[in-house]
Amino acid sequence: MPNDLSTKPCDHYTEYAKFDADYGFAKRAGFQLSELQIKDVEQFVRWSASLNTYEVGGGKTTVSTVVSLMRGVQTTLVIMPPILLKSWETWLLRVSERVVLYRGSPQERAAMDLTSARWIVASLDIFRRDYSRIVTALHAKSHEMIVDESHNLKNPASVLFKKVQQASAGGYLQMLTGTP
């Protein structure tokens, strides 16, 4: 298998074709990106923040994963409602490695190693509860945040909004929502 680019923070791709040739994303995923997805990946990878509003089933998870891999960041934190945790973990293990599903009791979470994770997958609530620990691990490296169901951030006065804003500082932020 091609090298895992997530271990090389200096790599940064702006063209999907070059990234796919080196990383073998389509082979790992088992499908090719559509022309629209490739166009959007190549645009989003150039921005420090983006909002993906594809309809349900349009490929928001795929596009955000590719963008993060193309950027070559060392750690990506993905936060979402708890119902989506397992599907994100399954997806990320299919196309990458070093995925930490950050959930469980406070004692179980405290025992998890976040420093060697390429991907940290957590619920919105756990992110709020363990904010300091997560941000310490995140800011120690080049990082990115992906917020799935980002319509949960619509209130700029909310604790969640403020914590996402602070945690994403100095890194990249991708927001995903299929809800208008």
Protein backbone atom coordinates (compact mmCIF):
# COMPACT_ATOMS: atom_id res chain seq x y z
CA MET A 1 0.00 0.00 0.00
CA PRO A 2 1.17 3.57 -0.62
CA ASN A 3 2.63 5.57 2.26
CA ASP A 4 0.20 6.96 4.81
CA LEU A 5 0.52 10.70 4.22
CA SER A 6 -0.92 11.45 7.64
CA THR A 7 2.52 10.75 9.10
CA LYS A 8 4.15 13.41 6.93
CA PRO A 9 3.03 16.86 8.10
CA CYS A 10 5.12 18.59 5.44
CA ASP A 11 3.07 17.09 2.59
CA HIS A 12 0.40 19.34 1.17
CA TYR A 13 -1.50 18.60 -1.98
CA THR A 14 -3.65 20.97 -4.00
CA GLU A 15 -4.45 18.58 -6.86
CA TYR A 16 -6.54 15.52 -6.16
CA ALA A 17 -5.07 13.45 -9.01
CA LYS A 18 -1.52 13.77 -7.60
CA PHE A 19 -2.77 12.98 -4.08
CA ASP A 20 -4.69 9.91 -5.27
CA ALA A 21 -1.70 8.66 -7.27
CA ASP A 22 0.54 8.89 -4.18
CA TYR A 23 -1.93 7.84 -1.47
CA GLY A 24 -4.22 5.49 -3.36
CA PHE A 25 -7.36 7.01 -1.91
CA ALA A 26 -9.77 5.64 -4.53
CA LYS A 27 -8.37 2.14 -4.03
CA ARG A 28 -8.67 2.40 -0.24
CA ALA A 29 -12.18 3.85 -0.44
CA GLY A 30 -13.34 1.45 -3.14
CA PHE A 31 -14.75 4.19 -5.35
CA GLN A 32 -13.79 7.26 -7.36
CA LEU A 33 -14.75 10.80 -6.40
CA SER A 34 -17.23 12.52 -8.71
CA GLU A 35 -16.15 15.52 -10.80
CA LEU A 36 -18.02 17.85 -8.43
CA GLN A 37 -16.33 16.31 -5.39
CA ILE A 38 -12.88 16.65 -6.99
CA LYS A 39 -13.60 20.29 -7.85
CA ASP A 40 -14.74 21.01 -4.30
CA VAL A 41 -11.81 19.12 -2.70
CA GLU A 42 -9.35 21.18 -4.76
CA GLN A 43 -11.12 24.38 -3.69
CA PHE A 44 -11.64 23.54 0.01
CA VAL A 45 -8.02 22.43 0.49
CA ARG A 46 -6.91 25.99 -0.29
CA TRP A 47 -9.13 27.56 2.40
CA SER A 48 -8.54 27.65 6.15
CA ALA A 49 -12.29 27.26 6.75
CA SER A 50 -15.11 25.84 4.66
CA LEU A 51 -18.79 24.94 4.82
CA ASN A 52 -19.94 21.86 2.88
CA THR A 53 -23.71 21.77 2.39
CA TYR A 54 -24.13 18.76 0.10
CA GLU A 55 -27.45 17.03 0.51
CA VAL A 56 -27.65 13.84 2.59
CA GLY A 57 -25.65 11.15 0.78
CA GLY A 58 -23.75 13.70 -1.32
CA GLY A 59 -20.34 12.87 0.11
CA LYS A 60 -19.64 15.45 2.82
CA THR A 61 -17.77 12.88 4.92
CA THR A 62 -15.70 11.73 1.95
CA VAL A 63 -14.81 15.23 0.78
CA SER A 64 -13.84 16.44 4.25
CA THR A 65 -11.66 13.35 4.79
CA VAL A 66 -9.85 13.84 1.49
CA VAL A 67 -9.28 17.54 2.21
CA SER A 68 -7.77 16.73 5.60
CA LEU A 69 -5.54 14.01 4.14
CA MET A 70 -4.41 16.30 1.32
CA ARG A 71 -3.44 18.98 3.83
CA GLY A 72 -1.17 16.55 5.62
CA VAL A 73 -2.12 17.76 9.09
CA GLN A 74 -0.94 15.60 11.96
CA THR A 75 -4.27 15.43 13.81
CA THR A 76 -7.87 15.94 12.78
CA LEU A 77 -10.60 16.20 15.39
CA VAL A 78 -14.02 15.22 14.06
CA ILE A 79 -16.97 16.15 16.29
CA MET A 80 -20.59 15.19 15.70
CA PRO A 81 -23.81 13.98 17.29
CA PRO A 82 -23.22 10.59 18.98
CA ILE A 83 -25.35 8.67 16.46
CA LEU A 84 -22.66 9.29 13.81
CA LEU A 85 -19.59 8.19 15.82
CA LYS A 86 -19.42 4.57 14.70
CA SER A 87 -19.97 5.33 11.01
CA TRP A 88 -17.18 7.93 11.06
CA GLU A 89 -14.84 5.51 12.83
CA THR A 90 -15.61 2.73 10.33
CA TRP A 91 -15.07 5.09 7.39
CA LEU A 92 -11.79 6.50 8.68
CA LEU A 93 -10.36 3.06 9.43
CA ARG A 94 -11.14 2.12 5.83
CA VAL A 95 -9.15 4.99 4.31
CA SER A 96 -6.58 5.89 6.99
CA GLU A 97 -5.20 4.74 10.32
CA ARG A 98 -4.62 5.80 13.93
CA VAL A 99 -8.27 6.54 14.65
CA VAL A 100 -9.30 7.12 18.27
CA LEU A 101 -13.01 6.84 19.00
CA TYR A 102 -13.06 9.14 22.00
CA ARG A 103 -16.01 8.05 24.12
CA GLY A 104 -16.82 6.11 27.28
CA SER A 105 -16.64 6.96 30.94
CA PRO A 106 -14.36 9.76 32.15
CA GLN A 107 -11.90 7.10 33.35
CA GLU A 108 -11.95 5.29 29.97
CA ARG A 109 -11.42 8.56 28.11
CA ALA A 110 -8.57 9.57 30.44
CA ALA A 111 -6.77 6.33 29.54
CA MET A 112 -6.92 7.03 25.79
CA ASP A 113 -3.78 8.24 24.02
CA LEU A 114 -4.70 11.28 21.97
CA THR A 115 -1.12 12.31 21.22
CA SER A 116 -0.47 9.60 18.63
CA ALA A 117 -3.90 9.80 16.96
CA ARG A 118 -4.24 10.93 13.34
CA TRP A 119 -8.01 11.16 13.83
CA ILE A 120 -9.92 11.86 17.04
CA VAL A 121 -13.65 11.15 16.69
CA ALA A 122 -15.85 12.55 19.47
CA SER A 123 -19.40 13.63 20.17
CA LEU A 124 -20.27 17.30 20.55
CA ASP A 125 -21.00 16.74 24.24
CA ILE A 126 -17.73 14.91 24.99
CA PHE A 127 -15.86 17.66 23.13
CA ARG A 128 -17.46 20.24 25.45
CA ARG A 129 -16.77 18.14 28.58
CA ASP A 130 -13.14 17.26 27.77
CA TYR A 131 -12.32 20.45 25.91
CA SER A 132 -9.04 21.21 27.73
CA ARG A 133 -7.61 17.72 27.24
CA ILE A 134 -8.61 17.55 23.59
CA VAL A 135 -7.32 21.02 22.74
CA THR A 136 -4.01 20.36 24.47
CA ALA A 137 -3.49 17.29 22.26
CA LEU A 138 -4.74 19.09 19.16
CA HIS A 139 -2.67 22.25 19.48
CA ALA A 140 0.56 20.32 20.07
CA LYS A 141 0.57 19.50 16.33
CA SER A 142 -0.64 20.78 13.00
CA HIS A 143 -4.37 20.26 13.25
CA GLU A 144 -7.79 20.49 11.74
CA MET A 145 -11.36 20.29 13.00
CA ILE A 146 -14.31 18.83 11.16
CA VAL A 147 -17.74 19.57 12.62
CA ASP A 148 -20.41 17.24 11.23
CA GLU A 149 -23.97 18.54 11.61
CA SER A 150 -22.50 22.01 12.06
CA HIS A 151 -25.94 23.60 12.17
CA ASN A 152 -25.48 22.92 15.90
CA LEU A 153 -23.14 25.95 15.85
CA LYS A 154 -25.78 28.45 14.72
CA ASN A 155 -25.72 30.38 18.00
CA PRO A 156 -22.49 32.40 18.34
CA ALA A 157 -23.24 32.94 22.04
CA SER A 158 -23.29 29.18 22.76
CA VAL A 159 -20.52 27.37 24.62
CA LEU A 160 -20.12 24.93 21.71
CA PHE A 161 -19.67 27.73 19.16
CA LYS A 162 -17.03 29.45 21.30
CA LYS A 163 -15.12 26.23 21.99
CA VAL A 164 -15.05 25.25 18.32
CA GLN A 165 -13.83 28.73 17.44
CA GLN A 166 -11.05 28.52 20.05
CA ALA A 167 -10.07 24.93 19.27
CA SER A 168 -9.79 25.54 15.53
CA ALA A 169 -7.57 28.61 15.98
CA GLY A 170 -4.24 28.12 14.27
CA GLY A 171 -5.53 25.18 12.24
CA TYR A 172 -8.19 24.39 9.69
CA LEU A 173 -11.96 24.14 10.15
CA GLN A 174 -14.42 22.24 7.97
CA MET A 175 -18.11 22.47 8.75
CA LEU A 176 -20.55 19.95 7.29
CA THR A 177 -24.33 20.15 7.24
CA GLY A 178 -27.16 18.89 5.11
CA THR A 179 -29.63 20.95 7.11
CA PRO A 180 -30.46 24.35 5.65
